[in-house]
Amino acid sequence: MIKKGLKVLVLAGKDKKKEGEIIEIDRSANRAKVKEINMVKKHVKTTKEKKGGIISKESFIHMSNLKIIDTKVKSKKSEVKK
Protein backbone atom coordinates (compact mmCIF):
# COMPACT_ATOMS: atom_id res chain seq x y z
CA MET A 1 0.00 0.00 0.00
CA ILE A 2 1.28 3.45 -0.88
CA LYS A 3 1.80 5.71 2.13
CA LYS A 4 3.15 9.19 2.78
CA GLY A 5 6.95 9.19 3.07
CA LEU A 6 7.60 6.17 0.82
CA LYS A 7 10.12 6.37 -2.00
CA VAL A 8 8.59 5.64 -5.41
CA LEU A 9 9.61 5.31 -9.07
CA VAL A 10 7.51 6.94 -11.81
CA LEU A 11 6.53 4.40 -14.50
CA ALA A 12 4.75 6.66 -17.01
CA GLY A 13 4.44 10.29 -18.04
CA LYS A 14 6.86 13.15 -18.60
CA ASP A 15 8.87 12.24 -15.47
CA LYS A 16 9.29 8.56 -16.35
CA LYS A 17 12.16 6.72 -14.54
CA LYS A 18 12.51 9.48 -11.91
CA GLU A 19 12.40 8.78 -8.18
CA GLY A 20 10.84 10.80 -5.39
CA GLU A 21 9.14 10.75 -2.00
CA ILE A 22 5.37 10.89 -1.56
CA ILE A 23 4.31 14.11 0.17
CA GLU A 24 0.50 13.93 -0.13
CA ILE A 25 -2.17 11.35 -1.04
CA ASP A 26 -5.72 11.77 -2.37
CA ARG A 27 -7.28 8.36 -1.73
CA SER A 28 -10.70 9.21 -3.23
CA ALA A 29 -9.14 9.97 -6.63
CA ASN A 30 -6.28 7.39 -6.35
CA ARG A 31 -3.66 10.08 -6.81
CA ALA A 32 -0.48 11.12 -5.00
CA LYS A 33 1.91 14.08 -4.98
CA VAL A 34 5.58 13.17 -5.31
CA LYS A 35 8.36 15.59 -4.36
CA GLU A 36 9.89 17.30 -7.45
CA ILE A 37 7.76 15.17 -9.85
CA ASN A 38 5.02 16.41 -12.25
CA MET A 39 5.87 20.09 -11.73
CA VAL A 40 3.34 22.58 -13.11
CA LYS A 41 3.37 26.38 -13.42
CA LYS A 42 0.68 28.23 -11.49
CA HIS A 43 -0.18 31.91 -11.81
CA VAL A 44 -0.71 33.48 -8.39
CA LYS A 45 -2.45 36.80 -7.86
CA THR A 46 -0.77 39.40 -5.63
CA THR A 47 -2.33 39.90 -2.18
CA LYS A 48 -1.41 42.08 0.80
CA GLU A 49 0.54 39.21 2.38
CA LYS A 50 2.04 37.46 -0.65
CA LYS A 51 3.75 38.57 -3.82
CA GLY A 52 2.17 37.24 -7.00
CA GLY A 53 3.76 35.77 -10.09
CA ILE A 54 4.33 32.39 -11.68
CA ILE A 55 5.29 29.62 -9.26
CA SER A 56 6.19 25.97 -9.86
CA LYS A 57 4.59 23.32 -7.69
CA GLU A 58 3.93 19.58 -7.67
CA SER A 59 0.73 18.23 -9.15
CA PHE A 60 -1.00 14.92 -8.45
CA ILE A 61 -0.04 11.79 -10.41
CA HIS A 62 -2.14 8.61 -10.61
CA MET A 63 -1.03 5.80 -8.27
CA SER A 64 -1.01 3.27 -11.12
CA ASN A 65 1.97 5.16 -12.56
CA LEU A 66 4.02 4.71 -9.37
CA LYS A 67 6.11 1.78 -8.14
CA ILE A 68 7.28 1.47 -4.53
CA ILE A 69 11.09 1.32 -4.21
CA ASP A 70 11.69 1.67 -0.47
CA THR A 71 9.14 0.04 1.84
CA LYS A 72 10.49 1.69 4.99
CA VAL A 73 8.34 4.67 5.98
CA LYS A 74 10.19 7.55 7.63
CA SER A 75 8.22 8.17 10.81
CA LYS A 76 8.75 10.88 13.38
CA LYS A 77 8.97 8.31 16.20
CA SER A 78 11.89 6.44 14.62
CA GLU A 79 13.79 9.68 13.97
CA VAL A 80 13.48 10.73 17.64
CA LYS A 81 14.90 7.42 18.94
CA LYS A 82 18.08 7.79 16.88
PDB file of N, CA and C in Angstrom:
ATOM      1  N   MET A   1       0.842  -1.185   0.000  1.00  0.00           N
ATOM      2  CA  MET A   1       0.000   0.000   0.000  1.00  0.00           C
ATOM      3  C   MET A   1       0.886   1.247   0.000  1.00  0.00           C
ATOM      4  N   ILE A   2       0.512   2.215  -0.781  1.00  0.00           N
ATOM      5  CA  ILE A   2       1.284   3.453  -0.876  1.00  0.00           C
ATOM      6  C   ILE A   2       0.933   4.345   0.307  1.00  0.00           C
ATOM      7  N   LYS A   3       1.976   4.838   0.978  1.00  0.00           N
ATOM      8  CA  LYS A   3       1.804   5.714   2.132  1.00  0.00           C
ATOM      9  C   LYS A   3       2.680   6.945   1.987  1.00  0.00           C
ATOM     10  N   LYS A   4       2.364   7.970   2.753  1.00  0.00           N
ATOM     11  CA  LYS A   4       3.151   9.190   2.777  1.00  0.00           C
ATOM     12  C   LYS A   4       4.552   8.883   3.310  1.00  0.00           C
ATOM     13  N   GLY A   5       5.568   9.396   2.637  1.00  0.00           N
ATOM     14  CA  GLY A   5       6.946   9.189   3.071  1.00  0.00           C
ATOM     15  C   GLY A   5       7.671   8.074   2.346  1.00  0.00           C
ATOM     16  N   LEU A   6       6.956   7.255   1.568  1.00  0.00           N
ATOM     17  CA  LEU A   6       7.600   6.171   0.819  1.00  0.00           C
ATOM     18  C   LEU A   6       8.334   6.721  -0.399  1.00  0.00           C
ATOM     19  N   LYS A   7       9.381   6.028  -0.790  1.00  0.00           N
ATOM     20  CA  LYS A   7      10.124   6.373  -2.003  1.00  0.00           C
ATOM     21  C   LYS A   7       9.528   5.586  -3.164  1.00  0.00           C
ATOM     22  N   VAL A   8       9.231   6.285  -4.272  1.00  0.00           N
ATOM     23  CA  VAL A   8       8.591   5.639  -5.415  1.00  0.00           C
ATOM     24  C   VAL A   8       9.332   5.965  -6.711  1.00  0.00           C
ATOM     25  N   LEU A   9       9.088   5.132  -7.723  1.00  0.00           N
ATOM     26  CA  LEU A   9       9.615   5.311  -9.066  1.00  0.00           C
ATOM     27  C   LEU A   9       8.437   5.593  -9.986  1.00  0.00           C
ATOM     28  N   VAL A  10       8.569   6.591 -10.864  1.00  0.00           N
ATOM     29  CA  VAL A  10       7.505   6.938 -11.810  1.00  0.00           C
ATOM     30  C   VAL A  10       7.634   6.034 -13.033  1.00  0.00           C
ATOM     31  N   LEU A  11       6.535   5.358 -13.398  1.00  0.00           N
ATOM     32  CA  LEU A  11       6.534   4.402 -14.499  1.00  0.00           C
ATOM     33  C   LEU A  11       6.068   4.999 -15.825  1.00  0.00           C
ATOM     34  N   ALA A  12       5.293   6.083 -15.790  1.00  0.00           N
ATOM     35  CA  ALA A  12       4.747   6.665 -17.014  1.00  0.00           C
ATOM     36  C   ALA A  12       4.633   8.176 -16.881  1.00  0.00           C
ATOM     37  N   GLY A  13       4.610   8.843 -18.027  1.00  0.00           N
ATOM     38  CA  GLY A  13       4.440  10.291 -18.043  1.00  0.00           C
ATOM     39  C   GLY A  13       5.733  11.014 -18.362  1.00  0.00           C
ATOM     40  N   LYS A  14       5.697  12.341 -18.230  1.00  0.00           N
ATOM     41  CA  LYS A  14       6.856  13.151 -18.598  1.00  0.00           C
ATOM     42  C   LYS A  14       8.038  12.963 -17.650  1.00  0.00           C
ATOM     43  N   ASP A  15       7.806  12.464 -16.455  1.00  0.00           N
ATOM     44  CA  ASP A  15       8.865  12.245 -15.470  1.00  0.00           C
ATOM     45  C   ASP A  15       9.194  10.761 -15.313  1.00  0.00           C
ATOM     46  N   LYS A  16       9.031   9.996 -16.371  1.00  0.00           N
ATOM     47  CA  LYS A  16       9.286   8.556 -16.349  1.00  0.00           C
ATOM     48  C   LYS A  16      10.714   8.257 -15.893  1.00  0.00           C
ATOM     49  N   LYS A  17      10.880   7.209 -15.081  1.00  0.00           N
ATOM     50  CA  LYS A  17      12.157   6.724 -14.537  1.00  0.00           C
ATOM     51  C   LYS A  17      12.772   7.643 -13.487  1.00  0.00           C
ATOM     52  N   LYS A  18      12.020   8.614 -12.986  1.00  0.00           N
ATOM     53  CA  LYS A  18      12.510   9.477 -11.908  1.00  0.00           C
ATOM     54  C   LYS A  18      12.012   8.932 -10.572  1.00  0.00           C
ATOM     55  N   GLU A  19      12.765   9.234  -9.517  1.00  0.00           N
ATOM     56  CA  GLU A  19      12.405   8.780  -8.180  1.00  0.00           C
ATOM     57  C   GLU A  19      12.069   9.973  -7.304  1.00  0.00           C
ATOM     58  N   GLY A  20      11.199   9.745  -6.317  1.00  0.00           N
ATOM     59  CA  GLY A  20      10.841  10.802  -5.385  1.00  0.00           C
ATOM     60  C   GLY A  20      10.112  10.246  -4.184  1.00  0.00           C
ATOM     61  N   GLU A  21       9.819  11.129  -3.243  1.00  0.00           N
ATOM     62  CA  GLU A  21       9.144  10.752  -2.001  1.00  0.00           C
ATOM     63  C   GLU A  21       7.721  11.282  -2.022  1.00  0.00           C
ATOM     64  N   ILE A  22       6.772  10.481  -1.575  1.00  0.00           N
ATOM     65  CA  ILE A  22       5.368  10.887  -1.555  1.00  0.00           C
ATOM     66  C   ILE A  22       5.164  11.915  -0.451  1.00  0.00           C
ATOM     67  N   ILE A  23       4.540  13.060  -0.812  1.00  0.00           N
ATOM     68  CA  ILE A  23       4.307  14.110   0.173  1.00  0.00           C
ATOM     69  C   ILE A  23       2.825  14.297   0.503  1.00  0.00           C
ATOM     70  N   GLU A  24       1.943  13.792  -0.373  1.00  0.00           N
ATOM     71  CA  GLU A  24       0.504  13.932  -0.128  1.00  0.00           C
ATOM     72  C   GLU A  24      -0.242  12.866  -0.914  1.00  0.00           C
ATOM     73  N   ILE A  25      -1.371  12.388  -0.369  1.00  0.00           N
ATOM     74  CA  ILE A  25      -2.170  11.355  -1.039  1.00  0.00           C
ATOM     75  C   ILE A  25      -3.640  11.772  -1.064  1.00  0.00           C
ATOM     76  N   ASP A  26      -4.284  11.569  -2.218  1.00  0.00           N
ATOM     77  CA  ASP A  26      -5.724  11.772  -2.371  1.00  0.00           C
ATOM     78  C   ASP A  26      -6.338  10.409  -2.648  1.00  0.00           C
ATOM     79  N   ARG A  27      -6.780   9.735  -1.614  1.00  0.00           N
ATOM     80  CA  ARG A  27      -7.281   8.359  -1.728  1.00  0.00           C
ATOM     81  C   ARG A  27      -8.571   8.278  -2.559  1.00  0.00           C
ATOM     82  N   SER A  28      -9.435   9.270  -2.492  1.00  0.00           N
ATOM     83  CA  SER A  28     -10.703   9.212  -3.227  1.00  0.00           C
ATOM     84  C   SER A  28     -10.488   9.225  -4.739  1.00  0.00           C
ATOM     85  N   ALA A  29      -9.431   9.897  -5.202  1.00  0.00           N
ATOM     86  CA  ALA A  29      -9.142   9.974  -6.632  1.00  0.00           C
ATOM     87  C   ALA A  29      -7.986   9.053  -7.037  1.00  0.00           C
ATOM     88  N   ASN A  30      -7.426   8.287  -6.098  1.00  0.00           N
ATOM     89  CA  ASN A  30      -6.283   7.395  -6.346  1.00  0.00           C
ATOM     90  C   ASN A  30      -5.092   8.150  -6.931  1.00  0.00           C
ATOM     91  N   ARG A  31      -4.759   9.266  -6.333  1.00  0.00           N
ATOM     92  CA  ARG A  31      -3.657  10.083  -6.813  1.00  0.00           C
ATOM     93  C   ARG A  31      -2.721  10.446  -5.660  1.00  0.00           C
ATOM     94  N   ALA A  32      -1.470  10.755  -6.001  1.00  0.00           N
ATOM     95  CA  ALA A  32      -0.481  11.117  -4.996  1.00  0.00           C
ATOM     96  C   ALA A  32       0.418  12.226  -5.533  1.00  0.00           C
ATOM     97  N   LYS A  33       0.927  13.066  -4.625  1.00  0.00           N
ATOM     98  CA  LYS A  33       1.915  14.080  -4.984  1.00  0.00           C
ATOM     99  C   LYS A  33       3.273  13.545  -4.604  1.00  0.00           C
ATOM    100  N   VAL A  34       4.218  13.638  -5.538  1.00  0.00           N
ATOM    101  CA  VAL A  34       5.576  13.167  -5.310  1.00  0.00           C
ATOM    102  C   VAL A  34       6.509  14.375  -5.392  1.00  0.00           C
ATOM    103  N   LYS A  35       7.442  14.456  -4.444  1.00  0.00           N
ATOM    104  CA  LYS A  35       8.361  15.592  -4.364  1.00  0.00           C
ATOM    105  C   LYS A  35       9.176  15.732  -5.649  1.00  0.00           C
ATOM    106  N   GLU A  36       9.145  16.943  -6.239  1.00  0.00           N
ATOM    107  CA  GLU A  36       9.893  17.300  -7.454  1.00  0.00           C
ATOM    108  C   GLU A  36       9.469  16.525  -8.706  1.00  0.00           C
ATOM    109  N   ILE A  37       8.271  15.918  -8.698  1.00  0.00           N
ATOM    110  CA  ILE A  37       7.759  15.175  -9.854  1.00  0.00           C
ATOM    111  C   ILE A  37       6.454  15.827 -10.320  1.00  0.00           C
ATOM    112  N   ASN A  38       6.230  15.854 -11.643  1.00  0.00           N
ATOM    113  CA  ASN A  38       5.019  16.408 -12.253  1.00  0.00           C
ATOM    114  C   ASN A  38       4.838  17.883 -11.871  1.00  0.00           C
ATOM    115  N   MET A  39       5.899  18.663 -12.061  1.00  0.00           N
ATOM    116  CA  MET A  39       5.869  20.092 -11.730  1.00  0.00           C
ATOM    117  C   MET A  39       5.024  20.853 -12.757  1.00  0.00           C
ATOM    118  N   VAL A  40       4.179  21.752 -12.258  1.00  0.00           N
ATOM    119  CA  VAL A  40       3.340  22.583 -13.113  1.00  0.00           C
ATOM    120  C   VAL A  40       3.530  24.044 -12.721  1.00  0.00           C
ATOM    121  N   LYS A  41       3.293  24.938 -13.673  1.00  0.00           N
ATOM    122  CA  LYS A  41       3.372  26.377 -13.417  1.00  0.00           C
ATOM    123  C   LYS A  41       1.997  26.862 -13.000  1.00  0.00           C
ATOM    124  N   LYS A  42       1.952  27.698 -11.969  1.00  0.00           N
ATOM    125  CA  LYS A  42       0.677  28.226 -11.488  1.00  0.00           C
ATOM    126  C   LYS A  42       0.805  29.743 -11.361  1.00  0.00           C
ATOM    127  N   HIS A  43      -0.158  30.458 -11.908  1.00  0.00           N
ATOM    128  CA  HIS A  43      -0.177  31.909 -11.813  1.00  0.00           C
ATOM    129  C   HIS A  43      -0.865  32.292 -10.513  1.00  0.00           C
ATOM    130  N   VAL A  44      -0.193  33.091  -9.694  1.00  0.00           N
ATOM    131  CA  VAL A  44      -0.715  33.482  -8.392  1.00  0.00           C
ATOM    132  C   VAL A  44      -0.936  34.987  -8.377  1.00  0.00           C
ATOM    133  N   LYS A  45      -2.112  35.395  -7.925  1.00  0.00           N
ATOM    134  CA  LYS A  45      -2.452  36.801  -7.862  1.00  0.00           C
ATOM    135  C   LYS A  45      -1.803  37.441  -6.632  1.00  0.00           C
ATOM    136  N   THR A  46      -1.385  38.691  -6.738  1.00  0.00           N
ATOM    137  CA  THR A  46      -0.769  39.404  -5.630  1.00  0.00           C
ATOM    138  C   THR A  46      -1.821  39.740  -4.579  1.00  0.00           C
ATOM    139  N   THR A  47      -1.465  39.514  -3.306  1.00  0.00           N
ATOM    140  CA  THR A  47      -2.326  39.899  -2.185  1.00  0.00           C
ATOM    141  C   THR A  47      -1.519  40.797  -1.256  1.00  0.00           C
ATOM    142  N   LYS A  48      -2.124  41.231  -0.166  1.00  0.00           N
ATOM    143  CA  LYS A  48      -1.412  42.077   0.797  1.00  0.00           C
ATOM    144  C   LYS A  48      -0.271  41.324   1.467  1.00  0.00           C
ATOM    145  N   GLU A  49      -0.466  40.018   1.690  1.00  0.00           N
ATOM    146  CA  GLU A  49       0.535  39.212   2.381  1.00  0.00           C
ATOM    147  C   GLU A  49       1.577  38.621   1.438  1.00  0.00           C
ATOM    148  N   LYS A  50       1.154  38.187   0.251  1.00  0.00           N
ATOM    149  CA  LYS A  50       2.044  37.461  -0.652  1.00  0.00           C
ATOM    150  C   LYS A  50       2.235  38.194  -1.970  1.00  0.00           C
ATOM    151  N   LYS A  51       3.445  38.041  -2.512  1.00  0.00           N
ATOM    152  CA  LYS A  51       3.748  38.574  -3.823  1.00  0.00           C
ATOM    153  C   LYS A  51       3.244  37.590  -4.875  1.00  0.00           C
ATOM    154  N   GLY A  52       2.690  38.090  -5.935  1.00  0.00           N
ATOM    155  CA  GLY A  52       2.173  37.239  -6.997  1.00  0.00           C
ATOM    156  C   GLY A  52       3.244  36.847  -7.990  1.00  0.00           C
ATOM    157  N   GLY A  53       2.831  36.186  -9.050  1.00  0.00           N
ATOM    158  CA  GLY A  53       3.756  35.775 -10.086  1.00  0.00           C
ATOM    159  C   GLY A  53       3.490  34.351 -10.511  1.00  0.00           C
ATOM    160  N   ILE A  54       4.450  33.765 -11.206  1.00  0.00           N
ATOM    161  CA  ILE A  54       4.330  32.386 -11.684  1.00  0.00           C
ATOM    162  C   ILE A  54       5.187  31.506 -10.787  1.00  0.00           C
ATOM    163  N   ILE A  55       4.549  30.528 -10.138  1.00  0.00           N
ATOM    164  CA  ILE A  55       5.287  29.616  -9.262  1.00  0.00           C
ATOM    165  C   ILE A  55       5.205  28.195  -9.816  1.00  0.00           C
ATOM    166  N   SER A  56       6.199  27.378  -9.488  1.00  0.00           N
ATOM    167  CA  SER A  56       6.188  25.966  -9.863  1.00  0.00           C
ATOM    168  C   SER A  56       5.850  25.142  -8.632  1.00  0.00           C
ATOM    169  N   LYS A  57       4.940  24.182  -8.795  1.00  0.00           N
ATOM    170  CA  LYS A  57       4.587  23.315  -7.687  1.00  0.00           C
ATOM    171  C   LYS A  57       4.243  21.931  -8.208  1.00  0.00           C
ATOM    172  N   GLU A  58       4.252  20.951  -7.292  1.00  0.00           N
ATOM    173  CA  GLU A  58       3.933  19.582  -7.671  1.00  0.00           C
ATOM    174  C   GLU A  58       2.437  19.436  -7.934  1.00  0.00           C
ATOM    175  N   SER A  59       2.114  18.565  -8.867  1.00  0.00           N
ATOM    176  CA  SER A  59       0.730  18.226  -9.146  1.00  0.00           C
ATOM    177  C   SER A  59       0.538  16.735  -8.871  1.00  0.00           C
ATOM    178  N   PHE A  60      -0.707  16.318  -8.738  1.00  0.00           N
ATOM    179  CA  PHE A  60      -0.999  14.920  -8.450  1.00  0.00           C
ATOM    180  C   PHE A  60      -0.699  14.035  -9.656  1.00  0.00           C
ATOM    181  N   ILE A  61      -0.293  12.798  -9.382  1.00  0.00           N
ATOM    182  CA  ILE A  61      -0.044  11.786 -10.408  1.00  0.00           C
ATOM    183  C   ILE A  61      -0.798  10.522  -9.974  1.00  0.00           C
ATOM    184  N   HIS A  62      -1.339   9.785 -10.939  1.00  0.00           N
ATOM    185  CA  HIS A  62      -2.136   8.610 -10.611  1.00  0.00           C
ATOM    186  C   HIS A  62      -1.260   7.517  -9.997  1.00  0.00           C
ATOM    187  N   MET A  63      -1.800   6.822  -8.991  1.00  0.00           N
ATOM    188  CA  MET A  63      -1.034   5.799  -8.265  1.00  0.00           C
ATOM    189  C   MET A  63      -0.633   4.614  -9.143  1.00  0.00           C
ATOM    190  N   SER A  64      -1.357   4.374 -10.236  1.00  0.00           N
ATOM    191  CA  SER A  64      -1.014   3.265 -11.119  1.00  0.00           C
ATOM    192  C   SER A  64       0.291   3.530 -11.870  1.00  0.00           C
ATOM    193  N   ASN A  65       0.721   4.788 -11.889  1.00  0.00           N
ATOM    194  CA  ASN A  65       1.967   5.161 -12.561  1.00  0.00           C
ATOM    195  C   ASN A  65       3.148   5.205 -11.603  1.00  0.00           C
ATOM    196  N   LEU A  66       2.963   4.703 -10.383  1.00  0.00           N
ATOM    197  CA  LEU A  66       4.019   4.712  -9.370  1.00  0.00           C
ATOM    198  C   LEU A  66       4.363   3.293  -8.946  1.00  0.00           C
ATOM    199  N   LYS A  67       5.641   3.070  -8.633  1.00  0.00           N
ATOM    200  CA  LYS A  67       6.107   1.778  -8.137  1.00  0.00           C
ATOM    201  C   LYS A  67       6.917   2.033  -6.866  1.00  0.00           C
ATOM    202  N   ILE A  68       6.595   1.294  -5.806  1.00  0.00           N
ATOM    203  CA  ILE A  68       7.283   1.470  -4.528  1.00  0.00           C
ATOM    204  C   ILE A  68       8.704   0.919  -4.634  1.00  0.00           C
ATOM    205  N   ILE A  69       9.685   1.745  -4.224  1.00  0.00           N
ATOM    206  CA  ILE A  69      11.086   1.322  -4.212  1.00  0.00           C
ATOM    207  C   ILE A  69      11.491   0.945  -2.789  1.00  0.00           C
ATOM    208  N   ASP A  70      11.279   1.861  -1.865  1.00  0.00           N
ATOM    209  CA  ASP A  70      11.687   1.675  -0.475  1.00  0.00           C
ATOM    210  C   ASP A  70      10.441   1.474   0.373  1.00  0.00           C
ATOM    211  N   THR A  71      10.338   0.338   1.063  1.00  0.00           N
ATOM    212  CA  THR A  71       9.140   0.041   1.845  1.00  0.00           C
ATOM    213  C   THR A  71       9.217   0.586   3.265  1.00  0.00           C
ATOM    214  N   LYS A  72      10.346   1.146   3.646  1.00  0.00           N
ATOM    215  CA  LYS A  72      10.494   1.690   4.995  1.00  0.00           C
ATOM    216  C   LYS A  72       9.973   3.115   5.033  1.00  0.00           C
ATOM    217  N   VAL A  73       8.939   3.347   5.851  1.00  0.00           N
ATOM    218  CA  VAL A  73       8.344   4.671   5.984  1.00  0.00           C
ATOM    219  C   VAL A  73       9.137   5.452   7.017  1.00  0.00           C
ATOM    220  N   LYS A  74       9.498   6.691   6.678  1.00  0.00           N
ATOM    221  CA  LYS A  74      10.194   7.552   7.632  1.00  0.00           C
ATOM    222  C   LYS A  74       9.157   8.121   8.595  1.00  0.00           C
ATOM    223  N   SER A  75       9.178   7.659   9.822  1.00  0.00           N
ATOM    224  CA  SER A  75       8.225   8.170  10.805  1.00  0.00           C
ATOM    225  C   SER A  75       8.934   9.069  11.794  1.00  0.00           C
ATOM    226  N   LYS A  76       8.187   9.948  12.414  1.00  0.00           N
ATOM    227  CA  LYS A  76       8.752  10.884  13.384  1.00  0.00           C
ATOM    228  C   LYS A  76       9.245  10.160  14.626  1.00  0.00           C
ATOM    229  N   LYS A  77       8.580   9.060  15.003  1.00  0.00           N
ATOM    230  CA  LYS A  77       8.972   8.306  16.196  1.00  0.00           C
ATOM    231  C   LYS A  77      10.340   7.667  16.022  1.00  0.00           C
ATOM    232  N   SER A  78      10.614   7.105  14.850  1.00  0.00           N
ATOM    233  CA  SER A  78      11.891   6.436  14.623  1.00  0.00           C
ATOM    234  C   SER A  78      13.042   7.432  14.545  1.00  0.00           C
ATOM    235  N   GLU A  79      12.752   8.662  14.065  1.00  0.00           N
ATOM    236  CA  GLU A  79      13.793   9.682  13.973  1.00  0.00           C
ATOM    237  C   GLU A  79      14.181  10.191  15.358  1.00  0.00           C
ATOM    238  N   VAL A  80      13.222  10.247  16.289  1.00  0.00           N
ATOM    239  CA  VAL A  80      13.476  10.734  17.637  1.00  0.00           C
ATOM    240  C   VAL A  80      14.357   9.747  18.402  1.00  0.00           C
ATOM    241  N   LYS A  81      14.149   8.448  18.222  1.00  0.00           N
ATOM    242  CA  LYS A  81      14.896   7.416  18.941  1.00  0.00           C
ATOM    243  C   LYS A  81      16.372   7.396  18.572  1.00  0.00           C
ATOM    244  N   LYS A  82      16.694   7.799  17.345  1.00  0.00           N
ATOM    245  CA  LYS A  82      18.084   7.789  16.878  1.00  0.00           C
ATOM    246  C   LYS A  82      18.856   8.803  17.594  1.00  0.00           C
TER     247      LYS A  82
END
